[in-house]
PDB file of N, CA and C in Angstrom:
ATOM      1  N   MET A   1      83.047  31.046 114.011  1.00  0.00           N
ATOM      2  CA  MET A   1      82.290  30.329 113.013  1.00  0.00           C
ATOM      3  C   MET A   1      81.320  31.312 112.343  1.00  0.00           C
ATOM      4  N   TYR A   2      81.445  31.480 111.052  1.00  0.00           N
ATOM      5  CA  TYR A   2      80.684  32.466 110.285  1.00  0.00           C
ATOM      6  C   TYR A   2      79.171  32.306 110.472  1.00  0.00           C
ATOM      7  N   ILE A   3      78.662  31.097 110.350  1.00  0.00           N
ATOM      8  CA  ILE A   3      77.210  30.884 110.406  1.00  0.00           C
ATOM      9  C   ILE A   3      76.633  31.264 111.766  1.00  0.00           C
ATOM     10  N   ALA A   4      77.439  31.170 112.810  1.00  0.00           N
ATOM     11  CA  ALA A   4      76.964  31.507 114.151  1.00  0.00           C
ATOM     12  C   ALA A   4      76.979  33.014 114.403  1.00  0.00           C
ATOM     13  N   GLN A   5      77.535  33.792 113.487  1.00  0.00           N
ATOM     14  CA  GLN A   5      77.608  35.233 113.679  1.00  0.00           C
ATOM     15  C   GLN A   5      76.752  36.007 112.695  1.00  0.00           C
ATOM     16  N   GLU A   6      76.062  35.328 111.817  1.00  0.00           N
ATOM     17  CA  GLU A   6      75.191  35.972 110.832  1.00  0.00           C
ATOM     18  C   GLU A   6      73.737  35.781 111.218  1.00  0.00           C
ATOM     19  N   GLU A   7      72.880  36.639 110.725  1.00  0.00           N
ATOM     20  CA  GLU A   7      71.455  36.518 110.980  1.00  0.00           C
ATOM     21  C   GLU A   7      70.825  35.795 109.794  1.00  0.00           C
ATOM     22  N   SER A   8      70.788  34.483 109.912  1.00  0.00           N
ATOM     23  CA  SER A   8      70.260  33.633 108.830  1.00  0.00           C
ATOM     24  C   SER A   8      68.755  33.493 108.968  1.00  0.00           C
ATOM     25  N   PHE A   9      68.048  33.634 107.868  1.00  0.00           N
ATOM     26  CA  PHE A   9      66.604  33.422 107.860  1.00  0.00           C
ATOM     27  C   PHE A   9      66.333  32.159 107.072  1.00  0.00           C
ATOM     28  N   GLY A  10      66.005  31.134 107.777  1.00  0.00           N
ATOM     29  CA  GLY A  10      65.767  29.836 107.167  1.00  0.00           C
ATOM     30  C   GLY A  10      65.906  28.759 108.215  1.00  0.00           C
ATOM     31  N   PRO A  11      65.797  27.542 107.814  1.00  0.00           N
ATOM     32  CA  PRO A  11      65.909  26.435 108.781  1.00  0.00           C
ATOM     33  C   PRO A  11      67.374  26.176 109.156  1.00  0.00           C
ATOM     34  N   VAL A  12      67.936  27.040 109.992  1.00  0.00           N
ATOM     35  CA  VAL A  12      69.341  26.926 110.389  1.00  0.00           C
ATOM     36  C   VAL A  12      69.421  26.902 111.910  1.00  0.00           C
ATOM     37  N   MET A  13      70.119  25.923 112.450  1.00  0.00           N
ATOM     38  CA  MET A  13      70.372  25.869 113.888  1.00  0.00           C
ATOM     39  C   MET A  13      71.841  25.559 114.096  1.00  0.00           C
ATOM     40  N   VAL A  14      72.506  26.362 114.895  1.00  0.00           N
ATOM     41  CA  VAL A  14      73.905  26.135 115.211  1.00  0.00           C
ATOM     42  C   VAL A  14      73.980  25.454 116.574  1.00  0.00           C
ATOM     43  N   ILE A  15      74.614  24.301 116.604  1.00  0.00           N
ATOM     44  CA  ILE A  15      74.833  23.571 117.848  1.00  0.00           C
ATOM     45  C   ILE A  15      76.336  23.471 118.025  1.00  0.00           C
ATOM     46  N   SER A  16      76.826  23.959 119.154  1.00  0.00           N
ATOM     47  CA  SER A  16      78.264  23.934 119.366  1.00  0.00           C
ATOM     48  C   SER A  16      78.592  23.304 120.713  1.00  0.00           C
ATOM     49  N   LYS A  17      79.758  22.704 120.777  1.00  0.00           N
ATOM     50  CA  LYS A  17      80.218  22.050 121.995  1.00  0.00           C
ATOM     51  C   LYS A  17      80.777  23.085 122.960  1.00  0.00           C
ATOM     52  N   PHE A  18      80.744  22.743 124.246  1.00  0.00           N
ATOM     53  CA  PHE A  18      81.381  23.567 125.258  1.00  0.00           C
ATOM     54  C   PHE A  18      81.781  22.669 126.418  1.00  0.00           C
ATOM     55  N   LYS A  19      82.771  23.133 127.164  1.00  0.00           N
ATOM     56  CA  LYS A  19      83.229  22.376 128.320  1.00  0.00           C
ATOM     57  C   LYS A  19      82.139  22.356 129.377  1.00  0.00           C
ATOM     58  N   ASN A  20      82.018  21.238 130.049  1.00  0.00           N
ATOM     59  CA  ASN A  20      81.011  21.077 131.094  1.00  0.00           C
ATOM     60  C   ASN A  20      81.138  22.188 132.131  1.00  0.00           C
ATOM     61  N   GLY A  21      80.057  22.913 132.364  1.00  0.00           N
ATOM     62  CA  GLY A  21      80.040  23.963 133.359  1.00  0.00           C
ATOM     63  C   GLY A  21      80.496  25.327 132.878  1.00  0.00           C
ATOM     64  N   ASP A  22      80.947  25.450 131.631  1.00  0.00           N
ATOM     65  CA  ASP A  22      81.462  26.728 131.127  1.00  0.00           C
ATOM     66  C   ASP A  22      80.322  27.591 130.571  1.00  0.00           C
ATOM     67  N   VAL A  23      79.363  27.890 131.413  1.00  0.00           N
ATOM     68  CA  VAL A  23      78.200  28.667 130.990  1.00  0.00           C
ATOM     69  C   VAL A  23      78.594  30.082 130.578  1.00  0.00           C
ATOM     70  N   ASP A  24      79.482  30.698 131.327  1.00  0.00           N
ATOM     71  CA  ASP A  24      79.890  32.068 130.988  1.00  0.00           C
ATOM     72  C   ASP A  24      80.645  32.119 129.661  1.00  0.00           C
ATOM     73  N   GLY A  25      81.425  31.083 129.349  1.00  0.00           N
ATOM     74  CA  GLY A  25      82.096  31.006 128.055  1.00  0.00           C
ATOM     75  C   GLY A  25      81.100  30.870 126.923  1.00  0.00           C
ATOM     76  N   VAL A  26      80.067  30.085 127.143  1.00  0.00           N
ATOM     77  CA  VAL A  26      79.005  29.925 126.140  1.00  0.00           C
ATOM     78  C   VAL A  26      78.298  31.262 125.914  1.00  0.00           C
ATOM     79  N   LEU A  27      78.011  31.975 126.996  1.00  0.00           N
ATOM     80  CA  LEU A  27      77.356  33.281 126.870  1.00  0.00           C
ATOM     81  C   LEU A  27      78.219  34.278 126.115  1.00  0.00           C
ATOM     82  N   ARG A  28      79.521  34.286 126.383  1.00  0.00           N
ATOM     83  CA  ARG A  28      80.420  35.188 125.642  1.00  0.00           C
ATOM     84  C   ARG A  28      80.365  34.877 124.149  1.00  0.00           C
ATOM     85  N   ARG A  29      80.412  33.592 123.792  1.00  0.00           N
ATOM     86  CA  ARG A  29      80.359  33.218 122.366  1.00  0.00           C
ATOM     87  C   ARG A  29      79.004  33.569 121.764  1.00  0.00           C
ATOM     88  N   ALA A  30      77.936  33.306 122.486  1.00  0.00           N
ATOM     89  CA  ALA A  30      76.589  33.571 121.959  1.00  0.00           C
ATOM     90  C   ALA A  30      76.359  35.063 121.746  1.00  0.00           C
ATOM     91  N   ASN A  31      76.905  35.884 122.602  1.00  0.00           N
ATOM     92  CA  ASN A  31      76.693  37.324 122.506  1.00  0.00           C
ATOM     93  C   ASN A  31      77.720  38.033 121.628  1.00  0.00           C
ATOM     94  N   ALA A  32      78.699  37.308 121.127  1.00  0.00           N
ATOM     95  CA  ALA A  32      79.755  37.906 120.293  1.00  0.00           C
ATOM     96  C   ALA A  32      79.304  37.998 118.839  1.00  0.00           C
ATOM     97  N   THR A  33      78.198  38.664 118.622  1.00  0.00           N
ATOM     98  CA  THR A  33      77.643  38.858 117.290  1.00  0.00           C
ATOM     99  C   THR A  33      76.975  40.231 117.246  1.00  0.00           C
ATOM    100  N   GLU A  34      76.784  40.736 116.064  1.00  0.00           N
ATOM    101  CA  GLU A  34      76.120  42.031 115.900  1.00  0.00           C
ATOM    102  C   GLU A  34      74.601  41.912 115.966  1.00  0.00           C
ATOM    103  N   TYR A  35      74.097  40.678 116.016  1.00  0.00           N
ATOM    104  CA  TYR A  35      72.659  40.450 115.929  1.00  0.00           C
ATOM    105  C   TYR A  35      72.118  39.860 117.222  1.00  0.00           C
ATOM    106  N   GLY A  36      70.806  39.889 117.376  1.00  0.00           N
ATOM    107  CA  GLY A  36      70.191  39.338 118.571  1.00  0.00           C
ATOM    108  C   GLY A  36      68.689  39.214 118.441  1.00  0.00           C
ATOM    109  N   LEU A  37      68.233  38.550 117.401  1.00  0.00           N
ATOM    110  CA  LEU A  37      66.791  38.403 117.208  1.00  0.00           C
ATOM    111  C   LEU A  37      66.211  37.365 118.152  1.00  0.00           C
ATOM    112  N   ALA A  38      66.735  36.149 118.098  1.00  0.00           N
ATOM    113  CA  ALA A  38      66.199  35.076 118.939  1.00  0.00           C
ATOM    114  C   ALA A  38      67.301  34.085 119.271  1.00  0.00           C
ATOM    115  N   SER A  39      67.085  33.358 120.351  1.00  0.00           N
ATOM    116  CA  SER A  39      68.027  32.314 120.754  1.00  0.00           C
ATOM    117  C   SER A  39      67.250  31.213 121.452  1.00  0.00           C
ATOM    118  N   GLY A  40      67.907  30.080 121.645  1.00  0.00           N
ATOM    119  CA  GLY A  40      67.260  28.953 122.301  1.00  0.00           C
ATOM    120  C   GLY A  40      68.183  28.297 123.300  1.00  0.00           C
ATOM    121  N   VAL A  41      67.604  27.857 124.410  1.00  0.00           N
ATOM    122  CA  VAL A  41      68.331  27.164 125.462  1.00  0.00           C
ATOM    123  C   VAL A  41      67.642  25.829 125.697  1.00  0.00           C
ATOM    124  N   PHE A  42      68.410  24.757 125.631  1.00  0.00           N
ATOM    125  CA  PHE A  42      67.876  23.427 125.894  1.00  0.00           C
ATOM    126  C   PHE A  42      68.615  22.829 127.083  1.00  0.00           C
ATOM    127  N   THR A  43      67.892  22.572 128.166  1.00  0.00           N
ATOM    128  CA  THR A  43      68.485  22.004 129.371  1.00  0.00           C
ATOM    129  C   THR A  43      67.380  21.446 130.261  1.00  0.00           C
ATOM    130  N   LYS A  44      67.743  20.512 131.129  1.00  0.00           N
ATOM    131  CA  LYS A  44      66.801  19.985 132.120  1.00  0.00           C
ATOM    132  C   LYS A  44      66.742  20.879 133.357  1.00  0.00           C
ATOM    133  N   ASP A  45      67.725  21.755 133.516  1.00  0.00           N
ATOM    134  CA  ASP A  45      67.852  22.612 134.694  1.00  0.00           C
ATOM    135  C   ASP A  45      67.210  23.969 134.419  1.00  0.00           C
ATOM    136  N   ILE A  46      65.999  24.189 134.917  1.00  0.00           N
ATOM    137  CA  ILE A  46      65.280  25.422 134.625  1.00  0.00           C
ATOM    138  C   ILE A  46      65.988  26.636 135.221  1.00  0.00           C
ATOM    139  N   ASN A  47      66.643  26.481 136.360  1.00  0.00           N
ATOM    140  CA  ASN A  47      67.383  27.611 136.937  1.00  0.00           C
ATOM    141  C   ASN A  47      68.531  28.034 136.031  1.00  0.00           C
ATOM    142  N   LYS A  48      69.213  27.063 135.446  1.00  0.00           N
ATOM    143  CA  LYS A  48      70.295  27.373 134.507  1.00  0.00           C
ATOM    144  C   LYS A  48      69.720  28.042 133.256  1.00  0.00           C
ATOM    145  N   ALA A  49      68.584  27.552 132.787  1.00  0.00           N
ATOM    146  CA  ALA A  49      67.956  28.138 131.601  1.00  0.00           C
ATOM    147  C   ALA A  49      67.569  29.589 131.852  1.00  0.00           C
ATOM    148  N   LEU A  50      67.027  29.880 133.013  1.00  0.00           N
ATOM    149  CA  LEU A  50      66.635  31.250 133.332  1.00  0.00           C
ATOM    150  C   LEU A  50      67.855  32.153 133.495  1.00  0.00           C
ATOM    151  N   TYR A  51      68.920  31.642 134.099  1.00  0.00           N
ATOM    152  CA  TYR A  51      70.155  32.413 134.231  1.00  0.00           C
ATOM    153  C   TYR A  51      70.703  32.764 132.845  1.00  0.00           C
ATOM    154  N   ILE A  52      70.776  31.763 131.984  1.00  0.00           N
ATOM    155  CA  ILE A  52      71.308  31.972 130.627  1.00  0.00           C
ATOM    156  C   ILE A  52      70.417  32.925 129.843  1.00  0.00           C
ATOM    157  N   SER A  53      69.109  32.738 129.921  1.00  0.00           N
ATOM    158  CA  SER A  53      68.199  33.584 129.146  1.00  0.00           C
ATOM    159  C   SER A  53      68.278  35.041 129.580  1.00  0.00           C
ATOM    160  N   GLU A  54      68.561  35.282 130.853  1.00  0.00           N
ATOM    161  CA  GLU A  54      68.712  36.652 131.336  1.00  0.00           C
ATOM    162  C   GLU A  54      69.965  37.309 130.772  1.00  0.00           C
ATOM    163  N   LYS A  55      71.005  36.532 130.518  1.00  0.00           N
ATOM    164  CA  LYS A  55      72.289  37.063 130.059  1.00  0.00           C
ATOM    165  C   LYS A  55      72.401  37.125 128.532  1.00  0.00           C
ATOM    166  N   LEU A  56      71.562  36.379 127.814  1.00  0.00           N
ATOM    167  CA  LEU A  56      71.624  36.389 126.353  1.00  0.00           C
ATOM    168  C   LEU A  56      71.123  37.722 125.799  1.00  0.00           C
ATOM    169  N   GLU A  57      71.817  38.235 124.825  1.00  0.00           N
ATOM    170  CA  GLU A  57      71.442  39.494 124.190  1.00  0.00           C
ATOM    171  C   GLU A  57      70.577  39.187 122.970  1.00  0.00           C
ATOM    172  N   ALA A  58      69.335  38.784 123.255  1.00  0.00           N
ATOM    173  CA  ALA A  58      68.387  38.421 122.200  1.00  0.00           C
ATOM    174  C   ALA A  58      66.997  38.869 122.602  1.00  0.00           C
ATOM    175  N   GLY A  59      66.204  39.267 121.633  1.00  0.00           N
ATOM    176  CA  GLY A  59      64.852  39.748 121.886  1.00  0.00           C
ATOM    177  C   GLY A  59      63.901  38.673 122.338  1.00  0.00           C
ATOM    178  N   THR A  60      64.084  37.452 121.857  1.00  0.00           N
ATOM    179  CA  THR A  60      63.277  36.306 122.266  1.00  0.00           C
ATOM    180  C   THR A  60      64.218  35.180 122.633  1.00  0.00           C
ATOM    181  N   VAL A  61      63.956  34.550 123.763  1.00  0.00           N
ATOM    182  CA  VAL A  61      64.726  33.386 124.177  1.00  0.00           C
ATOM    183  C   VAL A  61      63.752  32.230 124.368  1.00  0.00           C
ATOM    184  N   PHE A  62      63.937  31.189 123.600  1.00  0.00           N
ATOM    185  CA  PHE A  62      63.119  29.989 123.717  1.00  0.00           C
ATOM    186  C   PHE A  62      63.800  29.029 124.678  1.00  0.00           C
ATOM    187  N   ILE A  63      63.036  28.419 125.580  1.00  0.00           N
ATOM    188  CA  ILE A  63      63.574  27.442 126.519  1.00  0.00           C
ATOM    189  C   ILE A  63      62.943  26.093 126.216  1.00  0.00           C
ATOM    190  N   ASN A  64      63.776  25.130 125.857  1.00  0.00           N
ATOM    191  CA  ASN A  64      63.376  23.757 125.542  1.00  0.00           C
ATOM    192  C   ASN A  64      62.357  23.659 124.410  1.00  0.00           C
ATOM    193  N   THR A  65      62.394  24.629 123.542  1.00  0.00           N
ATOM    194  CA  THR A  65      61.577  24.636 122.329  1.00  0.00           C
ATOM    195  C   THR A  65      62.185  25.672 121.397  1.00  0.00           C
ATOM    196  N   TYR A  66      61.661  25.791 120.202  1.00  0.00           N
ATOM    197  CA  TYR A  66      62.128  26.859 119.322  1.00  0.00           C
ATOM    198  C   TYR A  66      61.034  27.239 118.341  1.00  0.00           C
ATOM    199  N   ASN A  67      60.864  28.519 118.153  1.00  0.00           N
ATOM    200  CA  ASN A  67      59.957  29.104 117.171  1.00  0.00           C
ATOM    201  C   ASN A  67      58.485  28.880 117.493  1.00  0.00           C
ATOM    202  N   LYS A  68      58.177  28.629 118.746  1.00  0.00           N
ATOM    203  CA  LYS A  68      56.777  28.587 119.171  1.00  0.00           C
ATOM    204  C   LYS A  68      56.488  29.926 119.812  1.00  0.00           C
ATOM    205  N   THR A  69      55.693  30.725 119.152  1.00  0.00           N
ATOM    206  CA  THR A  69      55.429  32.065 119.664  1.00  0.00           C
ATOM    207  C   THR A  69      53.938  32.296 119.833  1.00  0.00           C
ATOM    208  N   ASP A  70      53.616  33.269 120.612  1.00  0.00           N
ATOM    209  CA  ASP A  70      52.247  33.707 120.810  1.00  0.00           C
ATOM    210  C   ASP A  70      52.089  34.997 120.005  1.00  0.00           C
ATOM    211  N   VAL A  71      51.043  35.085 119.226  1.00  0.00           N
ATOM    212  CA  VAL A  71      50.867  36.268 118.374  1.00  0.00           C
ATOM    213  C   VAL A  71      50.701  37.551 119.180  1.00  0.00           C
ATOM    214  N   ALA A  72      50.369  37.431 120.462  1.00  0.00           N
ATOM    215  CA  ALA A  72      50.219  38.614 121.305  1.00  0.00           C
ATOM    216  C   ALA A  72      51.522  39.030 121.975  1.00  0.00           C
ATOM    217  N   ALA A  73      52.569  38.208 121.844  1.00  0.00           N
ATOM    218  CA  ALA A  73      53.852  38.534 122.470  1.00  0.00           C
ATOM    219  C   ALA A  73      54.595  39.567 121.632  1.00  0.00           C
ATOM    220  N   PRO A  74      55.209  40.543 122.282  1.00  0.00           N
ATOM    221  CA  PRO A  74      56.004  41.518 121.536  1.00  0.00           C
ATOM    222  C   PRO A  74      57.125  40.820 120.762  1.00  0.00           C
ATOM    223  N   PHE A  75      57.429  41.309 119.571  1.00  0.00           N
ATOM    224  CA  PHE A  75      58.437  40.691 118.717  1.00  0.00           C
ATOM    225  C   PHE A  75      59.448  41.738 118.289  1.00  0.00           C
ATOM    226  N   GLY A  76      60.710  41.404 118.416  1.00  0.00           N
ATOM    227  CA  GLY A  76      61.771  42.296 117.985  1.00  0.00           C
ATOM    228  C   GLY A  76      63.084  41.852 118.594  1.00  0.00           C
ATOM    229  N   GLY A  77      64.161  42.340 118.028  1.00  0.00           N
ATOM    230  CA  GLY A  77      65.471  41.894 118.467  1.00  0.00           C
ATOM    231  C   GLY A  77      66.281  42.967 119.152  1.00  0.00           C
ATOM    232  N   PHE A  78      67.491  42.591 119.509  1.00  0.00           N
ATOM    233  CA  PHE A  78      68.462  43.498 120.094  1.00  0.00           C
ATOM    234  C   PHE A  78      69.540  43.775 119.046  1.00  0.00           C
ATOM    235  N   LYS A  79      70.375  44.728 119.305  1.00  0.00           N
ATOM    236  CA  LYS A  79      71.509  45.095 118.453  1.00  0.00           C
ATOM    237  C   LYS A  79      71.031  45.426 117.043  1.00  0.00           C
ATOM    238  N   LEU A  80      71.651  44.858 116.003  1.00  0.00           N
ATOM    239  CA  LEU A  80      71.253  45.150 114.621  1.00  0.00           C
ATOM    240  C   LEU A  80      70.025  44.363 114.173  1.00  0.00           C
ATOM    241  N   SER A  81      69.432  43.596 115.066  1.00  0.00           N
ATOM    242  CA  SER A  81      68.230  42.830 114.721  1.00  0.00           C
ATOM    243  C   SER A  81      66.954  43.629 114.947  1.00  0.00           C
ATOM    244  N   GLY A  82      67.073  44.896 115.169  1.00  0.00           N
ATOM    245  CA  GLY A  82      65.884  45.717 115.260  1.00  0.00           C
ATOM    246  C   GLY A  82      65.884  46.623 116.454  1.00  0.00           C
ATOM    247  N   PHE A  83      65.070  47.641 116.356  1.00  0.00           N
ATOM    248  CA  PHE A  83      64.903  48.599 117.427  1.00  0.00           C
ATOM    249  C   PHE A  83      63.442  48.585 117.822  1.00  0.00           C
ATOM    250  N   GLY A  84      63.169  48.459 119.117  1.00  0.00           N
ATOM    251  CA  GLY A  84      61.793  48.430 119.576  1.00  0.00           C
ATOM    252  C   GLY A  84      61.159  47.083 119.343  1.00  0.00           C
ATOM    253  N   LYS A  85      59.854  47.028 119.532  1.00  0.00           N
ATOM    254  CA  LYS A  85      59.107  45.783 119.406  1.00  0.00           C
ATOM    255  C   LYS A  85      57.860  46.016 118.569  1.00  0.00           C
ATOM    256  N   ASP A  86      57.455  44.981 117.861  1.00  0.00           N
ATOM    257  CA  ASP A  86      56.174  44.971 117.162  1.00  0.00           C
ATOM    258  C   ASP A  86      55.227  44.091 117.956  1.00  0.00           C
ATOM    259  N   LEU A  87      53.950  44.355 117.857  1.00  0.00           N
ATOM    260  CA  LEU A  87      52.898  43.560 118.480  1.00  0.00           C
ATOM    261  C   LEU A  87      52.877  43.740 119.988  1.00  0.00           C
ATOM    262  N   GLY A  88      51.874  43.203 120.616  1.00  0.00           N
ATOM    263  CA  GLY A  88      51.764  43.291 122.066  1.00  0.00           C
ATOM    264  C   GLY A  88      51.285  44.654 122.541  1.00  0.00           C
ATOM    265  N   LYS A  89      50.705  44.689 123.749  1.00  0.00           N
ATOM    266  CA  LYS A  89      50.160  45.919 124.316  1.00  0.00           C
ATOM    267  C   LYS A  89      51.213  46.995 124.536  1.00  0.00           C
ATOM    268  N   LEU A  90      52.414  46.585 124.941  1.00  0.00           N
ATOM    269  CA  LEU A  90      53.441  47.553 125.314  1.00  0.00           C
ATOM    270  C   LEU A  90      54.279  48.052 124.147  1.00  0.00           C
ATOM    271  N   SER A  91      54.100  47.479 122.974  1.00  0.00           N
ATOM    272  CA  SER A  91      55.015  47.762 121.862  1.00  0.00           C
ATOM    273  C   SER A  91      55.205  49.241 121.538  1.00  0.00           C
ATOM    274  N   PRO A  92      54.205  50.108 121.590  1.00  0.00           N
ATOM    275  CA  PRO A  92      54.469  51.516 121.252  1.00  0.00           C
ATOM    276  C   PRO A  92      55.454  52.200 122.207  1.00  0.00           C
ATOM    277  N   SER A  93      55.549  51.721 123.447  1.00  0.00           N
ATOM    278  CA  SER A  93      56.401  52.394 124.424  1.00  0.00           C
ATOM    279  C   SER A  93      57.745  51.711 124.628  1.00  0.00           C
ATOM    280  N   LEU A  94      58.024  50.639 123.893  1.00  0.00           N
ATOM    281  CA  LEU A  94      59.247  49.871 124.134  1.00  0.00           C
ATOM    282  C   LEU A  94      60.405  50.319 123.255  1.00  0.00           C
ATOM    283  N   ILE A  95      61.570  50.289 123.832  1.00  0.00           N
ATOM    284  CA  ILE A  95      62.803  50.535 123.088  1.00  0.00           C
ATOM    285  C   ILE A  95      63.759  49.411 123.441  1.00  0.00           C
ATOM    286  N   SER A  96      63.933  48.439 122.579  1.00  0.00           N
ATOM    287  CA  SER A  96      64.904  47.348 122.716  1.00  0.00           C
ATOM    288  C   SER A  96      65.299  46.976 124.137  1.00  0.00           C
ATOM    289  N   CYS A  97      64.353  46.851 125.034  1.00  0.00           N
ATOM    290  CA  CYS A  97      64.719  46.484 126.399  1.00  0.00           C
ATOM    291  C   CYS A  97      63.938  45.283 126.895  1.00  0.00           C
ATOM    292  N   LEU A  98      62.905  44.885 126.220  1.00  0.00           N
ATOM    293  CA  LEU A  98      62.093  43.763 126.652  1.00  0.00           C
ATOM    294  C   LEU A  98      62.590  42.484 126.019  1.00  0.00           C
ATOM    295  N   ARG A  99      62.717  41.452 126.823  1.00  0.00           N
ATOM    296  CA  ARG A  99      63.099  40.124 126.332  1.00  0.00           C
ATOM    297  C   ARG A  99      61.902  39.209 126.552  1.00  0.00           C
ATOM    298  N   VAL A 100      61.491  38.479 125.558  1.00  0.00           N
ATOM    299  CA  VAL A 100      60.381  37.548 125.653  1.00  0.00           C
ATOM    300  C   VAL A 100      60.951  36.161 125.909  1.00  0.00           C
ATOM    301  N   LEU A 101      60.475  35.495 126.971  1.00  0.00           N
ATOM    302  CA  LEU A 101      60.885  34.126 127.276  1.00  0.00           C
ATOM    303  C   LEU A 101      59.745  33.187 126.951  1.00  0.00           C
ATOM    304  N   ILE A 102      60.052  32.145 126.215  1.00  0.00           N
ATOM    305  CA  ILE A 102      59.054  31.132 125.880  1.00  0.00           C
ATOM    306  C   ILE A 102      59.593  29.807 126.364  1.00  0.00           C
ATOM    307  N   ASN A 103      58.895  29.209 127.318  1.00  0.00           N
ATOM    308  CA  ASN A 103      59.346  27.979 127.956  1.00  0.00           C
ATOM    309  C   ASN A 103      58.414  26.824 127.606  1.00  0.00           C
ATOM    310  N   GLU A 104      58.956  25.779 127.057  1.00  0.00           N
ATOM    311  CA  GLU A 104      58.193  24.575 126.745  1.00  0.00           C
ATOM    312  C   GLU A 104      58.224  23.695 127.974  1.00  0.00           C
ATOM    313  N   LYS A 105      57.097  23.515 128.614  1.00  0.00           N
ATOM    314  CA  LYS A 105      57.019  22.708 129.822  1.00  0.00           C
ATOM    315  C   LYS A 105      56.840  21.251 129.434  1.00  0.00           C
ATOM    316  N   ASN A 106      57.761  20.413 129.870  1.00  0.00           N
ATOM    317  CA  ASN A 106      57.677  18.973 129.583  1.00  0.00           C
ATOM    318  C   ASN A 106      57.058  18.252 130.754  1.00  0.00           C
ATOM    319  N   ASN A 107      56.100  17.366 130.464  1.00  0.00           N
ATOM    320  CA  ASN A 107      55.454  16.578 131.523  1.00  0.00           C
ATOM    321  C   ASN A 107      56.052  15.204 131.564  1.00  0.00           C
TER     322      ASN A 107
END
Protein backbone atom coordinates (compact mmCIF):
# COMPACT_ATOMS: atom_id res chain seq x y z
CA MET A 1 0.00 0.00 0.00
CA TYR A 2 1.63 3.23 -1.22
CA ILE A 3 0.44 5.48 1.62
CA ALA A 4 1.88 3.11 4.22
CA GLN A 5 5.34 3.31 2.64
CA GLU A 6 5.66 7.08 2.21
CA GLU A 7 6.57 9.69 4.78
CA SER A 8 3.40 11.78 4.77
CA PHE A 9 3.32 15.04 6.70
CA GLY A 10 -0.24 15.80 7.59
CA PRO A 11 -3.20 14.28 9.34
CA VAL A 12 -2.69 10.76 7.95
CA MET A 13 -3.05 7.49 9.86
CA VAL A 14 -2.83 4.08 8.25
CA ILE A 15 -4.83 1.35 9.97
CA SER A 16 -4.46 -2.11 8.55
CA LYS A 17 -5.90 -5.50 9.40
CA PHE A 18 -3.82 -8.47 10.50
CA LYS A 19 -4.48 -12.02 11.57
CA ASN A 20 -4.94 -12.48 15.30
CA GLY A 21 -1.55 -13.11 16.89
CA ASP A 22 0.52 -12.33 13.77
CA VAL A 23 2.68 -9.74 15.52
CA ASP A 24 5.82 -10.64 13.59
CA GLY A 25 3.95 -10.26 10.29
CA VAL A 26 2.77 -6.82 11.36
CA LEU A 27 6.34 -5.86 12.27
CA ARG A 28 7.64 -7.02 8.88
CA ARG A 29 5.02 -4.87 7.11
CA ALA A 30 5.62 -1.87 9.38
CA ASN A 31 9.38 -1.99 8.86
CA ALA A 32 9.18 -2.59 5.09
CA THR A 33 9.64 1.09 4.29
CA GLU A 34 12.57 3.43 3.70
CA TYR A 35 11.35 5.74 6.47
CA GLY A 36 11.07 5.56 10.24
CA LEU A 37 10.18 8.85 11.88
CA ALA A 38 7.38 7.77 14.20
CA SER A 39 4.92 4.96 14.78
CA GLY A 40 2.06 4.13 17.11
CA VAL A 41 0.92 1.01 18.92
CA PHE A 42 -2.58 0.71 20.35
CA THR A 43 -3.26 -2.27 22.62
CA LYS A 44 -4.47 -3.16 26.12
CA ASP A 45 -1.45 -5.47 26.57
CA ILE A 46 1.50 -3.34 27.70
CA ASN A 47 3.94 -6.25 27.34
CA LYS A 48 2.91 -6.66 23.70
CA ALA A 49 3.23 -2.90 23.17
CA LEU A 50 6.76 -2.89 24.59
CA TYR A 51 7.76 -5.92 22.51
CA ILE A 52 6.44 -4.28 19.33
CA SER A 53 7.97 -0.89 20.13
CA GLU A 54 11.38 -2.50 20.60
CA LYS A 55 11.17 -4.13 17.15
CA LEU A 56 9.77 -1.14 15.22
CA GLU A 57 12.33 0.77 13.19
CA ALA A 58 11.14 4.24 14.18
CA GLY A 59 12.68 7.10 16.13
CA THR A 60 9.57 7.65 18.24
CA VAL A 61 7.01 5.03 19.18
CA PHE A 62 3.76 6.19 20.73
CA ILE A 63 1.85 3.69 22.89
CA ASN A 64 -1.92 4.19 23.17
CA THR A 65 -1.60 7.78 22.02
CA TYR A 66 -0.15 9.68 19.10
CA ASN A 67 1.76 12.92 18.64
CA LYS A 68 1.99 13.75 22.33
CA THR A 69 5.60 14.68 22.85
CA ASP A 70 7.73 16.30 25.48
CA VAL A 71 9.82 19.20 24.21
CA ALA A 72 12.80 17.83 26.16
CA ALA A 73 12.64 14.42 24.45
CA PRO A 74 15.14 13.80 21.66
CA PHE A 75 13.50 13.96 18.22
CA GLY A 76 14.59 12.23 15.05
CA GLY A 77 13.97 9.22 12.89
CA PHE A 78 15.61 6.10 11.58
CA LYS A 79 16.52 5.21 7.98
CA LEU A 80 15.76 8.06 5.53
CA SER A 81 13.81 9.94 8.21
CA GLY A 82 16.95 11.50 9.57
CA PHE A 83 20.31 10.94 11.11
CA GLY A 84 20.90 11.65 14.78
CA LYS A 85 18.53 13.45 17.11
CA ASP A 86 17.53 17.03 17.79
CA LEU A 87 16.74 18.33 21.28
CA GLY A 88 17.36 16.62 24.58
CA LYS A 89 20.56 16.43 26.66
CA LEU A 90 22.06 13.54 24.70
CA SER A 91 21.37 14.84 21.20
CA PRO A 92 24.93 15.98 20.34
CA SER A 93 26.30 12.48 20.98
CA LEU A 94 23.52 10.43 19.35
CA ILE A 95 23.61 8.68 16.02
CA SER A 96 20.24 7.15 15.00
CA CYS A 97 20.22 4.65 17.84
CA LEU A 98 17.88 6.10 20.44
CA ARG A 99 14.18 5.29 20.31
CA VAL A 100 11.78 7.47 22.30
CA LEU A 101 8.76 5.68 23.81
CA ILE A 102 5.71 7.69 24.79
CA ASN A 103 3.07 5.76 26.70
CA GLU A 104 -0.39 7.12 27.41
CA LYS A 105 -1.43 5.65 30.75
CA ASN A 106 -5.17 5.02 30.94
CA ASN A 107 -6.87 5.04 34.34
